[in-house]
Amino acid sequence: MTSSPPYDCDAGLANWAAGWSSAKRAWCCQEERKGCGDATTSPPYDCDAGLANWEAGWSEAKKAWCRSTAARAPGEQPLYDCAANAASWRSDWSASKRMWCCARRGQGCE
C-alpha cells in the first residue's frame, strides 16, 4: 500500500512563493524540487523594508508573506544565521534553512 504525498506540488505552483505555506514549500522543494526558487528570482516583498512602521505601513498580503517566508514576526531576530556553514550549505543546511536564506538573503539558492 502506498500513501499519498502530504502535498500536491503542482497545485498553485505558479504562485508558490506567495501562496504556499512554509511547510509545503520545504516539502516540495526537498522532495520534488519544486517551489525552491533561485538566485535570479526576486521575492515579491522586501521584508526588511519599512520594518519601523510594518503594522500600519505593510499590506495584509506583505504581512502574511513575510511571516510565512521569514517564519517570524517582523522585528524579531532572523530565524537562521545564513553565514553559518555557508560554504557547505548544500550538505549542511536543512531544507527550511535553504528556503529561508534563499528567499530572505539570496544565499543557499540552487
PDB file of N, CA and C in Angstrom:
ATOM      1  N   MET A   1       0.845  -1.186   0.000  1.00  0.00           N
ATOM      2  CA  MET A   1       0.000   0.000   0.000  1.00  0.00           C
ATOM      3  C   MET A   1       0.884   1.241   0.000  1.00  0.00           C
ATOM      4  N   THR A   2       0.633   2.117  -0.917  1.00  0.00           N
ATOM      5  CA  THR A   2       1.374   3.369  -0.986  1.00  0.00           C
ATOM      6  C   THR A   2       0.523   4.492  -0.417  1.00  0.00           C
ATOM      7  N   SER A   3       1.194   5.372   0.288  1.00  0.00           N
ATOM      8  CA  SER A   3       0.467   6.505   0.854  1.00  0.00           C
ATOM      9  C   SER A   3       0.612   7.702  -0.084  1.00  0.00           C
ATOM     10  N   SER A   4      -0.345   8.575  -0.030  1.00  0.00           N
ATOM     11  CA  SER A   4      -0.312   9.795  -0.841  1.00  0.00           C
ATOM     12  C   SER A   4       0.678  10.776  -0.229  1.00  0.00           C
ATOM     13  N   PRO A   5       1.345  11.553  -1.068  1.00  0.00           N
ATOM     14  CA  PRO A   5       2.239  12.576  -0.507  1.00  0.00           C
ATOM     15  C   PRO A   5       1.426  13.603   0.274  1.00  0.00           C
ATOM     16  N   PRO A   6       2.050  14.262   1.232  1.00  0.00           N
ATOM     17  CA  PRO A   6       1.314  15.224   2.055  1.00  0.00           C
ATOM     18  C   PRO A   6       0.892  16.482   1.292  1.00  0.00           C
ATOM     19  N   TYR A   7       1.546  16.766   0.165  1.00  0.00           N
ATOM     20  CA  TYR A   7       1.236  17.971  -0.597  1.00  0.00           C
ATOM     21  C   TYR A   7       1.182  17.662  -2.085  1.00  0.00           C
ATOM     22  N   ASP A   8       0.334  18.387  -2.804  1.00  0.00           N
ATOM     23  CA  ASP A   8       0.288  18.347  -4.256  1.00  0.00           C
ATOM     24  C   ASP A   8       1.126  19.524  -4.739  1.00  0.00           C
ATOM     25  N   CYS A   9       2.338  19.234  -5.174  1.00  0.00           N
ATOM     26  CA  CYS A   9       3.276  20.299  -5.526  1.00  0.00           C
ATOM     27  C   CYS A   9       2.975  20.952  -6.870  1.00  0.00           C
ATOM     28  N   ASP A  10       2.026  20.403  -7.618  1.00  0.00           N
ATOM     29  CA  ASP A  10       1.616  21.055  -8.859  1.00  0.00           C
ATOM     30  C   ASP A  10       0.501  22.060  -8.603  1.00  0.00           C
ATOM     31  N   ALA A  11      -0.244  21.869  -7.513  1.00  0.00           N
ATOM     32  CA  ALA A  11      -1.342  22.780  -7.182  1.00  0.00           C
ATOM     33  C   ALA A  11      -0.780  24.109  -6.694  1.00  0.00           C
ATOM     34  N   GLY A  12      -1.079  25.170  -7.401  1.00  0.00           N
ATOM     35  CA  GLY A  12      -0.622  26.504  -7.015  1.00  0.00           C
ATOM     36  C   GLY A  12       0.831  26.779  -7.316  1.00  0.00           C
ATOM     37  N   LEU A  13       1.454  25.960  -8.152  1.00  0.00           N
ATOM     38  CA  LEU A  13       2.883  26.108  -8.423  1.00  0.00           C
ATOM     39  C   LEU A  13       3.225  27.470  -9.026  1.00  0.00           C
ATOM     40  N   ALA A  14       2.332  28.018  -9.845  1.00  0.00           N
ATOM     41  CA  ALA A  14       2.605  29.308 -10.483  1.00  0.00           C
ATOM     42  C   ALA A  14       2.717  30.447  -9.461  1.00  0.00           C
ATOM     43  N   ASN A  15       2.135  30.273  -8.289  1.00  0.00           N
ATOM     44  CA  ASN A  15       2.149  31.312  -7.253  1.00  0.00           C
ATOM     45  C   ASN A  15       2.724  30.755  -5.950  1.00  0.00           C
ATOM     46  N   TRP A  16       3.679  29.840  -6.053  1.00  0.00           N
ATOM     47  CA  TRP A  16       4.177  29.133  -4.872  1.00  0.00           C
ATOM     48  C   TRP A  16       4.758  30.068  -3.815  1.00  0.00           C
ATOM     49  N   ALA A  17       5.487  31.100  -4.239  1.00  0.00           N
ATOM     50  CA  ALA A  17       6.176  31.965  -3.265  1.00  0.00           C
ATOM     51  C   ALA A  17       5.200  32.671  -2.340  1.00  0.00           C
ATOM     52  N   ALA A  18       4.077  33.097  -2.864  1.00  0.00           N
ATOM     53  CA  ALA A  18       3.105  33.813  -2.040  1.00  0.00           C
ATOM     54  C   ALA A  18       1.981  32.916  -1.541  1.00  0.00           C
ATOM     55  N   GLY A  19       1.716  31.821  -2.251  1.00  0.00           N
ATOM     56  CA  GLY A  19       0.539  31.024  -1.940  1.00  0.00           C
ATOM     57  C   GLY A  19       0.756  29.787  -1.098  1.00  0.00           C
ATOM     58  N   TRP A  20       1.949  29.268  -1.054  1.00  0.00           N
ATOM     59  CA  TRP A  20       2.189  28.028  -0.319  1.00  0.00           C
ATOM     60  C   TRP A  20       2.608  28.317   1.119  1.00  0.00           C
ATOM     61  N   SER A  21       2.245  27.417   2.015  1.00  0.00           N
ATOM     62  CA  SER A  21       2.714  27.510   3.401  1.00  0.00           C
ATOM     63  C   SER A  21       4.207  27.196   3.430  1.00  0.00           C
ATOM     64  N   SER A  22       4.879  27.579   4.503  1.00  0.00           N
ATOM     65  CA  SER A  22       6.313  27.287   4.602  1.00  0.00           C
ATOM     66  C   SER A  22       6.556  25.785   4.646  1.00  0.00           C
ATOM     67  N   ALA A  23       5.646  25.037   5.251  1.00  0.00           N
ATOM     68  CA  ALA A  23       5.795  23.580   5.306  1.00  0.00           C
ATOM     69  C   ALA A  23       5.693  22.972   3.907  1.00  0.00           C
ATOM     70  N   LYS A  24       4.727  23.453   3.109  1.00  0.00           N
ATOM     71  CA  LYS A  24       4.579  22.934   1.747  1.00  0.00           C
ATOM     72  C   LYS A  24       5.798  23.309   0.909  1.00  0.00           C
ATOM     73  N   ARG A  25       6.289  24.541   1.038  1.00  0.00           N
ATOM     74  CA  ARG A  25       7.479  24.944   0.280  1.00  0.00           C
ATOM     75  C   ARG A  25       8.661  24.052   0.624  1.00  0.00           C
ATOM     76  N   ALA A  26       8.865  23.805   1.906  1.00  0.00           N
ATOM     77  CA  ALA A  26      10.003  22.976   2.334  1.00  0.00           C
ATOM     78  C   ALA A  26       9.872  21.559   1.789  1.00  0.00           C
ATOM     79  N   TRP A  27       8.686  20.970   1.902  1.00  0.00           N
ATOM     80  CA  TRP A  27       8.484  19.593   1.459  1.00  0.00           C
ATOM     81  C   TRP A  27       8.635  19.481  -0.054  1.00  0.00           C
ATOM     82  N   CYS A  28       7.964  20.368  -0.796  1.00  0.00           N
ATOM     83  CA  CYS A  28       8.009  20.298  -2.256  1.00  0.00           C
ATOM     84  C   CYS A  28       9.404  20.584  -2.798  1.00  0.00           C
ATOM     85  N   CYS A  29      10.111  21.490  -2.179  1.00  0.00           N
ATOM     86  CA  CYS A  29      11.471  21.786  -2.614  1.00  0.00           C
ATOM     87  C   CYS A  29      12.377  20.583  -2.377  1.00  0.00           C
ATOM     88  N   GLN A  30      12.300  20.018  -1.196  1.00  0.00           N
ATOM     89  CA  GLN A  30      13.175  18.903  -0.853  1.00  0.00           C
ATOM     90  C   GLN A  30      12.813  17.629  -1.605  1.00  0.00           C
ATOM     91  N   GLU A  31      11.535  17.326  -1.701  1.00  0.00           N
ATOM     92  CA  GLU A  31      11.119  16.044  -2.267  1.00  0.00           C
ATOM     93  C   GLU A  31      10.908  16.060  -3.774  1.00  0.00           C
ATOM     94  N   GLU A  32      10.423  17.186  -4.319  1.00  0.00           N
ATOM     95  CA  GLU A  32      10.104  17.235  -5.743  1.00  0.00           C
ATOM     96  C   GLU A  32      10.837  18.344  -6.495  1.00  0.00           C
ATOM     97  N   ARG A  33      11.696  19.075  -5.790  1.00  0.00           N
ATOM     98  CA  ARG A  33      12.486  20.163  -6.386  1.00  0.00           C
ATOM     99  C   ARG A  33      11.590  21.192  -7.060  1.00  0.00           C
ATOM    100  N   LYS A  34      10.440  21.474  -6.445  1.00  0.00           N
ATOM    101  CA  LYS A  34       9.506  22.477  -6.952  1.00  0.00           C
ATOM    102  C   LYS A  34       9.320  23.541  -5.874  1.00  0.00           C
ATOM    103  N   GLY A  35       9.189  24.788  -6.305  1.00  0.00           N
ATOM    104  CA  GLY A  35       8.981  25.869  -5.353  1.00  0.00           C
ATOM    105  C   GLY A  35      10.215  26.248  -4.573  1.00  0.00           C
ATOM    106  N   CYS A  36      11.372  25.918  -5.078  1.00  0.00           N
ATOM    107  CA  CYS A  36      12.612  26.219  -4.366  1.00  0.00           C
ATOM    108  C   CYS A  36      13.089  27.640  -4.633  1.00  0.00           C
ATOM    109  N   GLY A  37      12.735  28.180  -5.760  1.00  0.00           N
ATOM    110  CA  GLY A  37      13.245  29.492  -6.122  1.00  0.00           C
ATOM    111  C   GLY A  37      14.664  29.373  -6.625  1.00  0.00           C
ATOM    112  N   ASP A  38      15.197  30.472  -7.054  1.00  0.00           N
ATOM    113  CA  ASP A  38      16.587  30.500  -7.480  1.00  0.00           C
ATOM    114  C   ASP A  38      17.134  31.899  -7.290  1.00  0.00           C
ATOM    115  N   ALA A  39      18.390  32.033  -7.502  1.00  0.00           N
ATOM    116  CA  ALA A  39      19.054  33.306  -7.243  1.00  0.00           C
ATOM    117  C   ALA A  39      18.586  34.409  -8.181  1.00  0.00           C
ATOM    118  N   THR A  40      17.965  34.049  -9.310  1.00  0.00           N
ATOM    119  CA  THR A  40      17.531  35.077 -10.249  1.00  0.00           C
ATOM    120  C   THR A  40      16.091  35.520  -9.992  1.00  0.00           C
ATOM    121  N   THR A  41      15.391  34.860  -9.106  1.00  0.00           N
ATOM    122  CA  THR A  41      14.004  35.205  -8.809  1.00  0.00           C
ATOM    123  C   THR A  41      13.960  36.091  -7.576  1.00  0.00           C
ATOM    124  N   SER A  42      13.398  37.253  -7.721  1.00  0.00           N
ATOM    125  CA  SER A  42      13.269  38.155  -6.582  1.00  0.00           C
ATOM    126  C   SER A  42      12.006  37.819  -5.806  1.00  0.00           C
ATOM    127  N   PRO A  43      12.062  37.864  -4.483  1.00  0.00           N
ATOM    128  CA  PRO A  43      10.845  37.650  -3.705  1.00  0.00           C
ATOM    129  C   PRO A  43       9.856  38.781  -3.978  1.00  0.00           C
ATOM    130  N   PRO A  44       8.561  38.522  -3.798  1.00  0.00           N
ATOM    131  CA  PRO A  44       7.573  39.553  -4.100  1.00  0.00           C
ATOM    132  C   PRO A  44       7.618  40.737  -3.132  1.00  0.00           C
ATOM    133  N   TYR A  45       8.198  40.549  -1.952  1.00  0.00           N
ATOM    134  CA  TYR A  45       8.265  41.626  -0.966  1.00  0.00           C
ATOM    135  C   TYR A  45       9.640  41.661  -0.330  1.00  0.00           C
ATOM    136  N   ASP A  46      10.066  42.859   0.056  1.00  0.00           N
ATOM    137  CA  ASP A  46      11.289  43.034   0.837  1.00  0.00           C
ATOM    138  C   ASP A  46      10.855  43.166   2.291  1.00  0.00           C
ATOM    139  N   CYS A  47      11.075  42.119   3.061  1.00  0.00           N
ATOM    140  CA  CYS A  47      10.588  42.092   4.445  1.00  0.00           C
ATOM    141  C   CYS A  47      11.429  42.932   5.396  1.00  0.00           C
ATOM    142  N   ASP A  48      12.522  43.484   4.918  1.00  0.00           N
ATOM    143  CA  ASP A  48      13.310  44.391   5.746  1.00  0.00           C
ATOM    144  C   ASP A  48      12.908  45.841   5.505  1.00  0.00           C
ATOM    145  N   ALA A  49      12.287  46.111   4.370  1.00  0.00           N
ATOM    146  CA  ALA A  49      11.884  47.484   4.038  1.00  0.00           C
ATOM    147  C   ALA A  49      10.639  47.874   4.834  1.00  0.00           C
ATOM    148  N   GLY A  50      10.710  48.993   5.485  1.00  0.00           N
ATOM    149  CA  GLY A  50       9.568  49.509   6.227  1.00  0.00           C
ATOM    150  C   GLY A  50       9.288  48.830   7.549  1.00  0.00           C
ATOM    151  N   LEU A  51      10.286  48.161   8.111  1.00  0.00           N
ATOM    152  CA  LEU A  51      10.068  47.448   9.384  1.00  0.00           C
ATOM    153  C   LEU A  51       9.667  48.381  10.520  1.00  0.00           C
ATOM    154  N   ALA A  52      10.162  49.609  10.505  1.00  0.00           N
ATOM    155  CA  ALA A  52       9.856  50.534  11.597  1.00  0.00           C
ATOM    156  C   ALA A  52       8.358  50.835  11.689  1.00  0.00           C
ATOM    157  N   ASN A  53       7.654  50.719  10.582  1.00  0.00           N
ATOM    158  CA  ASN A  53       6.227  51.040  10.545  1.00  0.00           C
ATOM    159  C   ASN A  53       5.429  49.886   9.930  1.00  0.00           C
ATOM    160  N   TRP A  54       5.859  48.645  10.164  1.00  0.00           N
ATOM    161  CA  TRP A  54       5.259  47.497   9.478  1.00  0.00           C
ATOM    162  C   TRP A  54       3.779  47.324   9.775  1.00  0.00           C
ATOM    163  N   GLU A  55       3.352  47.581  11.008  1.00  0.00           N
ATOM    164  CA  GLU A  55       1.948  47.338  11.347  1.00  0.00           C
ATOM    165  C   GLU A  55       1.012  48.228  10.540  1.00  0.00           C
ATOM    166  N   ALA A  56       1.340  49.490  10.388  1.00  0.00           N
ATOM    167  CA  ALA A  56       0.474  50.406   9.652  1.00  0.00           C
ATOM    168  C   ALA A  56       0.865  50.524   8.179  1.00  0.00           C
ATOM    169  N   GLY A  57       2.140  50.287   7.873  1.00  0.00           N
ATOM    170  CA  GLY A  57       2.638  50.547   6.530  1.00  0.00           C
ATOM    171  C   GLY A  57       2.609  49.382   5.557  1.00  0.00           C
ATOM    172  N   TRP A  58       2.539  48.157   6.046  1.00  0.00           N
ATOM    173  CA  TRP A  58       2.550  46.997   5.160  1.00  0.00           C
ATOM    174  C   TRP A  58       1.132  46.576   4.807  1.00  0.00           C
ATOM    175  N   SER A  59       0.953  46.076   3.592  1.00  0.00           N
ATOM    176  CA  SER A  59      -0.337  45.499   3.202  1.00  0.00           C
ATOM    177  C   SER A  59      -0.518  44.177   3.935  1.00  0.00           C
ATOM    178  N   GLU A  60      -1.748  43.711   3.987  1.00  0.00           N
ATOM    179  CA  GLU A  60      -2.010  42.412   4.625  1.00  0.00           C
ATOM    180  C   GLU A  60      -1.281  41.295   3.888  1.00  0.00           C
ATOM    181  N   ALA A  61      -1.195  41.398   2.556  1.00  0.00           N
ATOM    182  CA  ALA A  61      -0.501  40.381   1.764  1.00  0.00           C
ATOM    183  C   ALA A  61       0.988  40.347   2.117  1.00  0.00           C
ATOM    184  N   LYS A  62       1.596  41.529   2.271  1.00  0.00           N
ATOM    185  CA  LYS A  62       3.015  41.572   2.630  1.00  0.00           C
ATOM    186  C   LYS A  62       3.226  41.006   4.024  1.00  0.00           C
ATOM    187  N   LYS A  63       2.355  41.360   4.968  1.00  0.00           N
ATOM    188  CA  LYS A  63       2.473  40.819   6.328  1.00  0.00           C
ATOM    189  C   LYS A  63       2.407  39.300   6.304  1.00  0.00           C
ATOM    190  N   ALA A  64       1.439  38.755   5.587  1.00  0.00           N
ATOM    191  CA  ALA A  64       1.271  37.300   5.531  1.00  0.00           C
ATOM    192  C   ALA A  64       2.471  36.637   4.860  1.00  0.00           C
ATOM    193  N   TRP A  65       2.939  37.220   3.745  1.00  0.00           N
ATOM    194  CA  TRP A  65       4.063  36.621   3.031  1.00  0.00           C
ATOM    195  C   TRP A  65       5.325  36.667   3.870  1.00  0.00           C
ATOM    196  N   CYS A  66       5.592  37.802   4.487  1.00  0.00           N
ATOM    197  CA  CYS A  66       6.809  37.924   5.291  1.00  0.00           C
ATOM    198  C   CYS A  66       6.765  37.012   6.513  1.00  0.00           C
ATOM    199  N   ARG A  67       5.603  36.892   7.132  1.00  0.00           N
ATOM    200  CA  ARG A  67       5.503  35.985   8.276  1.00  0.00           C
ATOM    201  C   ARG A  67       5.738  34.543   7.853  1.00  0.00           C
ATOM    202  N   SER A  68       5.139  34.120   6.752  1.00  0.00           N
ATOM    203  CA  SER A  68       5.285  32.719   6.347  1.00  0.00           C
ATOM    204  C   SER A  68       6.676  32.435   5.799  1.00  0.00           C
ATOM    205  N   THR A  69       7.220  33.351   5.036  1.00  0.00           N
ATOM    206  CA  THR A  69       8.541  33.133   4.450  1.00  0.00           C
ATOM    207  C   THR A  69       9.643  33.289   5.480  1.00  0.00           C
ATOM    208  N   ALA A  70       9.534  34.300   6.302  1.00  0.00           N
ATOM    209  CA  ALA A  70      10.561  34.545   7.312  1.00  0.00           C
ATOM    210  C   ALA A  70      10.390  33.639   8.515  1.00  0.00           C
ATOM    211  N   ALA A  71       9.198  33.065   8.673  1.00  0.00           N
ATOM    212  CA  ALA A  71       8.876  32.219   9.826  1.00  0.00           C
ATOM    213  C   ALA A  71       9.144  32.957  11.132  1.00  0.00           C
ATOM    214  N   ARG A  72       8.818  34.217  11.142  1.00  0.00           N
ATOM    215  CA  ARG A  72       8.984  35.042  12.334  1.00  0.00           C
ATOM    216  C   ARG A  72       8.120  36.275  12.181  1.00  0.00           C
ATOM    217  N   ALA A  73       7.858  36.920  13.260  1.00  0.00           N
ATOM    218  CA  ALA A  73       7.140  38.185  13.221  1.00  0.00           C
ATOM    219  C   ALA A  73       8.122  39.291  12.861  1.00  0.00           C
ATOM    220  N   PRO A  74       7.657  40.334  12.178  1.00  0.00           N
ATOM    221  CA  PRO A  74       8.560  41.450  11.858  1.00  0.00           C
ATOM    222  C   PRO A  74       9.205  42.006  13.120  1.00  0.00           C
ATOM    223  N   GLY A  75      10.476  42.351  13.003  1.00  0.00           N
ATOM    224  CA  GLY A  75      11.201  42.940  14.113  1.00  0.00           C
ATOM    225  C   GLY A  75      11.919  41.930  14.993  1.00  0.00           C
ATOM    226  N   GLU A  76      11.571  40.645  14.889  1.00  0.00           N
ATOM    227  CA  GLU A  76      12.277  39.632  15.674  1.00  0.00           C
ATOM    228  C   GLU A  76      13.590  39.282  14.986  1.00  0.00           C
ATOM    229  N   GLN A  77      14.431  38.604  15.711  1.00  0.00           N
ATOM    230  CA  GLN A  77      15.705  38.180  15.149  1.00  0.00           C
ATOM    231  C   GLN A  77      15.471  37.178  14.022  1.00  0.00           C
ATOM    232  N   PRO A  78      16.352  37.151  13.017  1.00  0.00           N
ATOM    233  CA  PRO A  78      16.208  36.181  11.934  1.00  0.00           C
ATOM    234  C   PRO A  78      16.151  34.751  12.474  1.00  0.00           C
ATOM    235  N   LEU A  79      15.423  33.924  11.778  1.00  0.00           N
ATOM    236  CA  LEU A  79      15.266  32.536  12.184  1.00  0.00           C
ATOM    237  C   LEU A  79      16.566  31.755  12.003  1.00  0.00           C
ATOM    238  N   TYR A  80      17.327  32.074  10.953  1.00  0.00           N
ATOM    239  CA  TYR A  80      18.553  31.341  10.654  1.00  0.00           C
ATOM    240  C   TYR A  80      19.725  32.295  10.474  1.00  0.00           C
ATOM    241  N   ASP A  81      20.915  31.802  10.771  1.00  0.00           N
ATOM    242  CA  ASP A  81      22.147  32.523  10.503  1.00  0.00           C
ATOM    243  C   ASP A  81      22.662  32.020   9.161  1.00  0.00           C
ATOM    244  N   CYS A  82      22.451  32.783   8.113  1.00  0.00           N
ATOM    245  CA  CYS A  82      22.796  32.348   6.765  1.00  0.00           C
ATOM    246  C   CYS A  82      24.299  32.359   6.506  1.00  0.00           C
ATOM    247  N   ALA A  83      25.066  32.962   7.388  1.00  0.00           N
ATOM    248  CA  ALA A  83      26.516  32.953   7.236  1.00  0.00           C
ATOM    249  C   ALA A  83      27.127  31.670   7.798  1.00  0.00           C
ATOM    250  N   ALA A  84      26.427  31.025   8.728  1.00  0.00           N
ATOM    251  CA  ALA A  84      26.948  29.801   9.345  1.00  0.00           C
ATOM    252  C   ALA A  84      26.926  28.656   8.342  1.00  0.00           C
ATOM    253  N   ASN A  85      28.066  28.036   8.136  1.00  0.00           N
ATOM    254  CA  ASN A  85      28.228  26.907   7.207  1.00  0.00           C
ATOM    255  C   ASN A  85      27.828  27.259   5.786  1.00  0.00           C
ATOM    256  N   ALA A  86      27.998  28.519   5.406  1.00  0.00           N
ATOM    257  CA  ALA A  86      27.586  28.965   4.072  1.00  0.00           C
ATOM    258  C   ALA A  86      28.355  28.235   2.964  1.00  0.00           C
ATOM    259  N   ALA A  87      29.607  27.900   3.195  1.00  0.00           N
ATOM    260  CA  ALA A  87      30.398  27.231   2.168  1.00  0.00           C
ATOM    261  C   ALA A  87      29.899  25.813   1.884  1.00  0.00           C
ATOM    262  N   SER A  88      29.254  25.207   2.862  1.00  0.00           N
ATOM    263  CA  SER A  88      28.780  23.825   2.691  1.00  0.00           C
ATOM    264  C   SER A  88      27.258  23.745   2.817  1.00  0.00           C
ATOM    265  N   TRP A  89      26.568  24.779   2.348  1.00  0.00           N
ATOM    266  CA  TRP A  89      25.121  24.857   2.530  1.00  0.00           C
ATOM    267  C   TRP A  89      24.380  23.680   1.921  1.00  0.00           C
ATOM    268  N   ARG A  90      24.845  23.170   0.788  1.00  0.00           N
ATOM    269  CA  ARG A  90      24.142  22.057   0.131  1.00  0.00           C
ATOM    270  C   ARG A  90      24.056  20.833   1.033  1.00  0.00           C
ATOM    271  N   SER A  91      25.095  20.553   1.771  1.00  0.00           N
ATOM    272  CA  SER A  91      25.097  19.349   2.606  1.00  0.00           C
ATOM    273  C   SER A  91      24.725  19.621   4.059  1.00  0.00           C
ATOM    274  N   ASP A  92      24.962  20.838   4.538  1.00  0.00           N
ATOM    275  CA  ASP A  92      24.786  21.107   5.966  1.00  0.00           C
ATOM    276  C   ASP A  92      23.466  21.764   6.347  1.00  0.00           C
ATOM    277  N   TRP A  93      22.840  22.485   5.424  1.00  0.00           N
ATOM    278  CA  TRP A  93      21.628  23.217   5.771  1.00  0.00           C
ATOM    279  C   TRP A  93      20.388  22.357   5.588  1.00  0.00           C
ATOM    280  N   SER A  94      19.414  22.535   6.445  1.00  0.00           N
ATOM    281  CA  SER A  94      18.112  21.884   6.291  1.00  0.00           C
ATOM    282  C   SER A  94      17.376  22.535   5.128  1.00  0.00           C
ATOM    283  N   ALA A  95      16.350  21.862   4.632  1.00  0.00           N
ATOM    284  CA  ALA A  95      15.551  22.421   3.537  1.00  0.00           C
ATOM    285  C   ALA A  95      14.925  23.749   3.952  1.00  0.00           C
ATOM    286  N   SER A  96      14.452  23.833   5.181  1.00  0.00           N
ATOM    287  CA  SER A  96      13.818  25.075   5.613  1.00  0.00           C
ATOM    288  C   SER A  96      14.838  26.209   5.716  1.00  0.00           C
ATOM    289  N   LYS A  97      16.072  25.906   6.153  1.00  0.00           N
ATOM    290  CA  LYS A  97      17.098  26.955   6.211  1.00  0.00           C
ATOM    291  C   LYS A  97      17.472  27.394   4.798  1.00  0.00           C
ATOM    292  N   ARG A  98      17.597  26.448   3.866  1.00  0.00           N
ATOM    293  CA  ARG A  98      17.907  26.813   2.479  1.00  0.00           C
ATOM    294  C   ARG A  98      16.828  27.727   1.915  1.00  0.00           C
ATOM    295  N   MET A  99      15.572  27.375   2.132  1.00  0.00           N
ATOM    296  CA  MET A  99      14.471  28.186   1.622  1.00  0.00           C
ATOM    297  C   MET A  99      14.468  29.573   2.252  1.00  0.00           C
ATOM    298  N   TRP A 100      14.654  29.613   3.571  1.00  0.00           N
ATOM    299  CA  TRP A 100      14.620  30.893   4.274  1.00  0.00           C
ATOM    300  C   TRP A 100      15.762  31.775   3.808  1.00  0.00           C
ATOM    301  N   CYS A 101      16.961  31.229   3.783  1.00  0.00           N
ATOM    302  CA  CYS A 101      18.126  32.032   3.406  1.00  0.00           C
ATOM    303  C   CYS A 101      18.078  32.450   1.939  1.00  0.00           C
ATOM    304  N   CYS A 102      17.547  31.593   1.083  1.00  0.00           N
ATOM    305  CA  CYS A 102      17.416  31.953  -0.336  1.00  0.00           C
ATOM    306  C   CYS A 102      16.418  33.089  -0.498  1.00  0.00           C
ATOM    307  N   ALA A 103      15.253  32.939   0.115  1.00  0.00           N
ATOM    308  CA  ALA A 103      14.199  33.946  -0.041  1.00  0.00           C
ATOM    309  C   ALA A 103      14.566  35.267   0.624  1.00  0.00           C
ATOM    310  N   ARG A 104      15.221  35.216   1.763  1.00  0.00           N
ATOM    311  CA  ARG A 104      15.455  36.440   2.540  1.00  0.00           C
ATOM    312  C   ARG A 104      16.833  37.040   2.313  1.00  0.00           C
ATOM    313  N   ARG A 105      17.821  36.192   2.008  1.00  0.00           N
ATOM    314  CA  ARG A 105      19.189  36.702   1.904  1.00  0.00           C
ATOM    315  C   ARG A 105      19.849  36.415   0.565  1.00  0.00           C
ATOM    316  N   GLY A 106      19.175  35.659  -0.313  1.00  0.00           N
ATOM    317  CA  GLY A 106      19.767  35.317  -1.603  1.00  0.00           C
ATOM    318  C   GLY A 106      20.913  34.338  -1.474  1.00  0.00           C
ATOM    319  N   GLN A 107      20.955  33.565  -0.382  1.00  0.00           N
ATOM    320  CA  GLN A 107      22.017  32.591  -0.152  1.00  0.00           C
ATOM    321  C   GLN A 107      21.380  31.186  -0.101  1.00  0.00           C
ATOM    322  N   GLY A 108      22.147  30.187  -0.532  1.00  0.00           N
ATOM    323  CA  GLY A 108      21.652  28.819  -0.483  1.00  0.00           C
ATOM    324  C   GLY A 108      20.641  28.516  -1.580  1.00  0.00           C
ATOM    325  N   CYS A 109      20.663  29.284  -2.640  1.00  0.00           N
ATOM    326  CA  CYS A 109      19.733  29.078  -3.756  1.00  0.00           C
ATOM    327  C   CYS A 109      20.368  28.153  -4.787  1.00  0.00           C
ATOM    328  N   GLU A 110      19.550  27.294  -5.371  1.00  0.00           N
ATOM    329  CA  GLU A 110      20.036  26.422  -6.450  1.00  0.00           C
ATOM    330  C   GLU A 110      20.317  27.257  -7.675  1.00  0.00           C
TER     331      GLU A 110
END
